[in-house]
Amino acid sequence: MGHHVTILRSRGGMPLPIDDDEIERAAAALPGWRYDRAKGTLTSQRAEDRGLQVRLADGALWARNPNVAAVARLITLAGALGARVRDADGATYRTPYETYRHPDDAALLPAPARGSRPRDALPYRAILWMSLASAVVMRVVRSLR
């Protein structure tokens, strides 16, 4: 991913800050998270997350350079907080591979260029076409045998 993501809440374009107590409750409810209130850091204890750490600043949680698996964990964490995960470009994650422009961000962030496609749509399209081509080739090979 190569950037930062933010876990934040908003309603009607107004931010709704996340506080320490909420983070502690979410960390206790979700397996594999530990919150250090003194440092303001939430750390994943799972080995496969390789030290995923989220910092509380200005009522939002911030993570640097999350990979796809980390984004999935952050989406789950955001759900427990009644929040959402937004990347540095202003796209909100539905899944680690699918993003959209949240209505609360529409007024704050510039709209994507007209005719541009979502950044993560290309890999799925490539996988779809490669799968279809593989299926066709397999049928041809089976029919020749």
C-alpha atoms as a PDB file:
ATOM      1  CA  MET A   1       0.000   0.000   0.000  1.00  0.00           C
ATOM      2  CA  GLY A   2       2.883   2.365   0.767  1.00  0.00           C
ATOM      3  CA  HIS A   3       1.061   5.173   2.608  1.00  0.00           C
ATOM      4  CA  HIS A   4      -0.864   5.892   5.764  1.00  0.00           C
ATOM      5  CA  VAL A   5      -4.478   5.146   6.590  1.00  0.00           C
ATOM      6  CA  THR A   6      -6.727   6.752   9.168  1.00  0.00           C
ATOM      7  CA  ILE A   7      -9.507   5.253  11.249  1.00  0.00           C
ATOM      8  CA  LEU A   8     -11.974   8.073  11.792  1.00  0.00           C
ATOM      9  CA  ARG A   9     -15.614   8.819  12.465  1.00  0.00           C
ATOM     10  CA  SER A  10     -17.792  11.565  11.135  1.00  0.00           C
ATOM     11  CA  ARG A  11     -21.435  12.413  10.756  1.00  0.00           C
ATOM     12  CA  GLY A  12     -22.775  15.012   8.391  1.00  0.00           C
ATOM     13  CA  GLY A  13     -19.274  16.154   7.577  1.00  0.00           C
ATOM     14  CA  MET A  14     -18.409  16.778  11.236  1.00  0.00           C
ATOM     15  CA  PRO A  15     -15.678  14.699  12.916  1.00  0.00           C
ATOM     16  CA  LEU A  16     -16.643  12.523  15.886  1.00  0.00           C
ATOM     17  CA  PRO A  17     -13.411  11.957  17.835  1.00  0.00           C
ATOM     18  CA  ILE A  18     -12.423   8.504  19.048  1.00  0.00           C
ATOM     19  CA  ASP A  19     -11.256   8.438  22.676  1.00  0.00           C
ATOM     20  CA  ASP A  20      -9.039   6.220  24.829  1.00  0.00           C
ATOM     21  CA  ASP A  21     -11.939   4.464  26.569  1.00  0.00           C
ATOM     22  CA  GLU A  22     -13.476   3.386  23.263  1.00  0.00           C
ATOM     23  CA  ILE A  23     -10.144   2.068  22.030  1.00  0.00           C
ATOM     24  CA  GLU A  24      -9.636   0.069  25.234  1.00  0.00           C
ATOM     25  CA  ARG A  25     -13.109  -1.480  24.876  1.00  0.00           C
ATOM     26  CA  ALA A  26     -12.472  -2.342  21.211  1.00  0.00           C
ATOM     27  CA  ALA A  27      -9.053  -3.839  22.046  1.00  0.00           C
ATOM     28  CA  ALA A  28     -10.636  -5.990  24.753  1.00  0.00           C
ATOM     29  CA  ALA A  29     -13.453  -7.111  22.449  1.00  0.00           C
ATOM     30  CA  LEU A  30     -11.271  -7.974  19.441  1.00  0.00           C
ATOM     31  CA  PRO A  31      -8.733 -10.790  19.662  1.00  0.00           C
ATOM     32  CA  GLY A  32      -5.066  -9.953  19.268  1.00  0.00           C
ATOM     33  CA  TRP A  33      -5.013  -6.219  20.089  1.00  0.00           C
ATOM     34  CA  ARG A  34      -3.300  -4.468  23.025  1.00  0.00           C
ATOM     35  CA  TYR A  35      -3.768  -0.792  23.856  1.00  0.00           C
ATOM     36  CA  ASP A  36      -1.117   1.243  25.687  1.00  0.00           C
ATOM     37  CA  ARG A  37      -2.983   4.278  26.978  1.00  0.00           C
ATOM     38  CA  ALA A  38       0.193   6.090  28.087  1.00  0.00           C
ATOM     39  CA  LYS A  39       1.687   5.931  24.583  1.00  0.00           C
ATOM     40  CA  GLY A  40      -1.616   6.146  22.718  1.00  0.00           C
ATOM     41  CA  THR A  41      -0.717   3.072  20.650  1.00  0.00           C
ATOM     42  CA  LEU A  42      -2.783   0.069  19.730  1.00  0.00           C
ATOM     43  CA  THR A  43      -0.637  -2.894  18.707  1.00  0.00           C
ATOM     44  CA  SER A  44      -1.602  -6.162  17.065  1.00  0.00           C
ATOM     45  CA  GLN A  45      -0.227  -9.152  18.940  1.00  0.00           C
ATOM     46  CA  ARG A  46      -0.640 -11.525  15.995  1.00  0.00           C
ATOM     47  CA  ALA A  47       2.625 -12.706  14.451  1.00  0.00           C
ATOM     48  CA  GLU A  48       1.257 -12.457  10.900  1.00  0.00           C
ATOM     49  CA  ASP A  49       0.595  -8.724  11.354  1.00  0.00           C
ATOM     50  CA  ARG A  50       4.331  -8.115  11.815  1.00  0.00           C
ATOM     51  CA  GLY A  51       4.071  -5.357  14.401  1.00  0.00           C
ATOM     52  CA  LEU A  52       1.015  -3.550  13.067  1.00  0.00           C
ATOM     53  CA  GLN A  53       0.671  -0.482  15.258  1.00  0.00           C
ATOM     54  CA  VAL A  54      -1.962   2.234  15.251  1.00  0.00           C
ATOM     55  CA  ARG A  55      -1.501   5.608  16.977  1.00  0.00           C
ATOM     56  CA  LEU A  56      -4.192   7.838  18.423  1.00  0.00           C
ATOM     57  CA  ALA A  57      -3.838  11.483  17.397  1.00  0.00           C
ATOM     58  CA  ASP A  58      -6.474  14.219  17.211  1.00  0.00           C
ATOM     59  CA  GLY A  59      -9.387  11.831  17.789  1.00  0.00           C
ATOM     60  CA  ALA A  60      -8.390   9.440  14.976  1.00  0.00           C
ATOM     61  CA  LEU A  61      -6.169   6.375  14.681  1.00  0.00           C
ATOM     62  CA  TRP A  62      -3.278   6.361  12.199  1.00  0.00           C
ATOM     63  CA  ALA A  63      -1.345   3.438  10.697  1.00  0.00           C
ATOM     64  CA  ARG A  64       1.674   3.691   8.390  1.00  0.00           C
ATOM     65  CA  ASN A  65       2.220   1.530   5.320  1.00  0.00           C
ATOM     66  CA  PRO A  66      -0.361  -1.169   6.008  1.00  0.00           C
ATOM     67  CA  ASN A  67      -0.378  -4.219   3.755  1.00  0.00           C
ATOM     68  CA  VAL A  68      -3.604  -5.830   2.524  1.00  0.00           C
ATOM     69  CA  ALA A  69      -3.949  -8.102   5.573  1.00  0.00           C
ATOM     70  CA  ALA A  70      -3.411  -5.130   7.897  1.00  0.00           C
ATOM     71  CA  VAL A  71      -6.088  -3.111   6.093  1.00  0.00           C
ATOM     72  CA  ALA A  72      -8.505  -6.022   6.660  1.00  0.00           C
ATOM     73  CA  ARG A  73      -7.691  -5.981  10.400  1.00  0.00           C
ATOM     74  CA  LEU A  74      -8.077  -2.209  10.498  1.00  0.00           C
ATOM     75  CA  ILE A  75     -11.490  -2.419   8.823  1.00  0.00           C
ATOM     76  CA  THR A  76     -12.593  -4.843  11.558  1.00  0.00           C
ATOM     77  CA  LEU A  77     -11.206  -2.526  14.239  1.00  0.00           C
ATOM     78  CA  ALA A  78     -12.960   0.453  12.651  1.00  0.00           C
ATOM     79  CA  GLY A  79     -16.235  -1.481  12.660  1.00  0.00           C
ATOM     80  CA  ALA A  80     -15.882  -2.065  16.411  1.00  0.00           C
ATOM     81  CA  LEU A  81     -15.404   1.672  16.878  1.00  0.00           C
ATOM     82  CA  GLY A  82     -18.287   2.683  14.599  1.00  0.00           C
ATOM     83  CA  ALA A  83     -15.695   4.260  12.328  1.00  0.00           C
ATOM     84  CA  ARG A  84     -14.178   3.769   8.867  1.00  0.00           C
ATOM     85  CA  VAL A  85     -10.743   3.409   7.292  1.00  0.00           C
ATOM     86  CA  ARG A  86      -9.655   6.149   4.868  1.00  0.00           C
ATOM     87  CA  ASP A  87      -6.413   6.271   2.896  1.00  0.00           C
ATOM     88  CA  ALA A  88      -4.195   9.272   2.230  1.00  0.00           C
ATOM     89  CA  ASP A  89      -5.984   9.904  -1.087  1.00  0.00           C
ATOM     90  CA  GLY A  90      -9.370  10.217   0.642  1.00  0.00           C
ATOM     91  CA  ALA A  91     -10.768   6.836  -0.421  1.00  0.00           C
ATOM     92  CA  THR A  92     -12.686   4.873   2.231  1.00  0.00           C
ATOM     93  CA  TYR A  93     -12.211   1.096   2.306  1.00  0.00           C
ATOM     94  CA  ARG A  94     -15.186  -1.243   2.052  1.00  0.00           C
ATOM     95  CA  THR A  95     -12.779  -4.165   1.790  1.00  0.00           C
ATOM     96  CA  PRO A  96      -8.986  -4.239   1.434  1.00  0.00           C
ATOM     97  CA  TYR A  97      -9.528  -4.162  -2.344  1.00  0.00           C
ATOM     98  CA  GLU A  98     -12.576  -1.945  -2.745  1.00  0.00           C
ATOM     99  CA  THR A  99     -12.788   1.761  -1.953  1.00  0.00           C
ATOM    100  CA  TYR A 100     -15.360   4.496  -2.374  1.00  0.00           C
ATOM    101  CA  ARG A 101     -15.719   8.237  -1.716  1.00  0.00           C
ATOM    102  CA  HIS A 102     -17.508   8.688   1.627  1.00  0.00           C
ATOM    103  CA  PRO A 103     -20.178  11.425   1.515  1.00  0.00           C
ATOM    104  CA  ASP A 104     -18.610  13.225   4.502  1.00  0.00           C
ATOM    105  CA  ASP A 105     -15.362  13.537   2.539  1.00  0.00           C
ATOM    106  CA  ALA A 106     -16.955  14.861  -0.654  1.00  0.00           C
ATOM    107  CA  ALA A 107     -16.841  18.487   0.457  1.00  0.00           C
ATOM    108  CA  LEU A 108     -13.402  18.244   2.042  1.00  0.00           C
ATOM    109  CA  LEU A 109     -11.469  16.400  -0.656  1.00  0.00           C
ATOM    110  CA  PRO A 110     -11.305  16.972  -4.414  1.00  0.00           C
ATOM    111  CA  ALA A 111     -13.336  14.581  -6.536  1.00  0.00           C
ATOM    112  CA  PRO A 112     -11.437  12.036  -8.628  1.00  0.00           C
ATOM    113  CA  ALA A 113     -10.783  13.046 -12.218  1.00  0.00           C
ATOM    114  CA  ARG A 114     -13.657  12.343 -14.571  1.00  0.00           C
ATOM    115  CA  GLY A 115     -13.292   9.019 -16.336  1.00  0.00           C
ATOM    116  CA  SER A 116     -10.729   7.710 -13.843  1.00  0.00           C
ATOM    117  CA  ARG A 117     -11.192   4.247 -12.492  1.00  0.00           C
ATOM    118  CA  PRO A 118     -10.820   3.192  -8.861  1.00  0.00           C
ATOM    119  CA  ARG A 119      -7.197   2.454  -8.046  1.00  0.00           C
ATOM    120  CA  ASP A 120      -7.892  -1.103  -6.920  1.00  0.00           C
ATOM    121  CA  ALA A 121     -10.204  -2.115  -9.777  1.00  0.00           C
ATOM    122  CA  LEU A 122      -7.393  -3.014 -12.179  1.00  0.00           C
ATOM    123  CA  PRO A 123      -6.043  -6.057 -10.280  1.00  0.00           C
ATOM    124  CA  TYR A 124      -9.519  -7.584 -10.061  1.00  0.00           C
ATOM    125  CA  ARG A 125     -10.145  -7.059 -13.755  1.00  0.00           C
ATOM    126  CA  ALA A 126      -6.780  -8.586 -14.629  1.00  0.00           C
ATOM    127  CA  ILE A 127      -7.501 -11.598 -12.415  1.00  0.00           C
ATOM    128  CA  LEU A 128     -10.948 -12.000 -13.986  1.00  0.00           C
ATOM    129  CA  TRP A 129      -9.594 -11.921 -17.542  1.00  0.00           C
ATOM    130  CA  MET A 130      -6.712 -14.243 -16.699  1.00  0.00           C
ATOM    131  CA  SER A 131      -9.146 -16.705 -15.114  1.00  0.00           C
ATOM    132  CA  LEU A 132     -11.432 -16.609 -18.121  1.00  0.00           C
ATOM    133  CA  ALA A 133      -8.512 -17.067 -20.528  1.00  0.00           C
ATOM    134  CA  SER A 134      -7.223 -19.996 -18.458  1.00  0.00           C
ATOM    135  CA  ALA A 135     -10.641 -21.648 -18.524  1.00  0.00           C
ATOM    136  CA  VAL A 136     -10.859 -21.281 -22.319  1.00  0.00           C
ATOM    137  CA  VAL A 137      -7.345 -22.694 -22.811  1.00  0.00           C
ATOM    138  CA  MET A 138      -8.139 -25.654 -20.545  1.00  0.00           C
ATOM    139  CA  ARG A 139     -11.280 -26.449 -22.555  1.00  0.00           C
ATOM    140  CA  VAL A 140      -9.376 -26.300 -25.820  1.00  0.00           C
ATOM    141  CA  VAL A 141      -6.647 -28.570 -24.467  1.00  0.00           C
ATOM    142  CA  ARG A 142      -9.189 -31.083 -23.120  1.00  0.00           C
ATOM    143  CA  SER A 143     -11.072 -31.133 -26.431  1.00  0.00           C
ATOM    144  CA  LEU A 144      -7.826 -31.860 -28.336  1.00  0.00           C
ATOM    145  CA  ARG A 145      -7.016 -34.889 -26.210  1.00  0.00           C
END
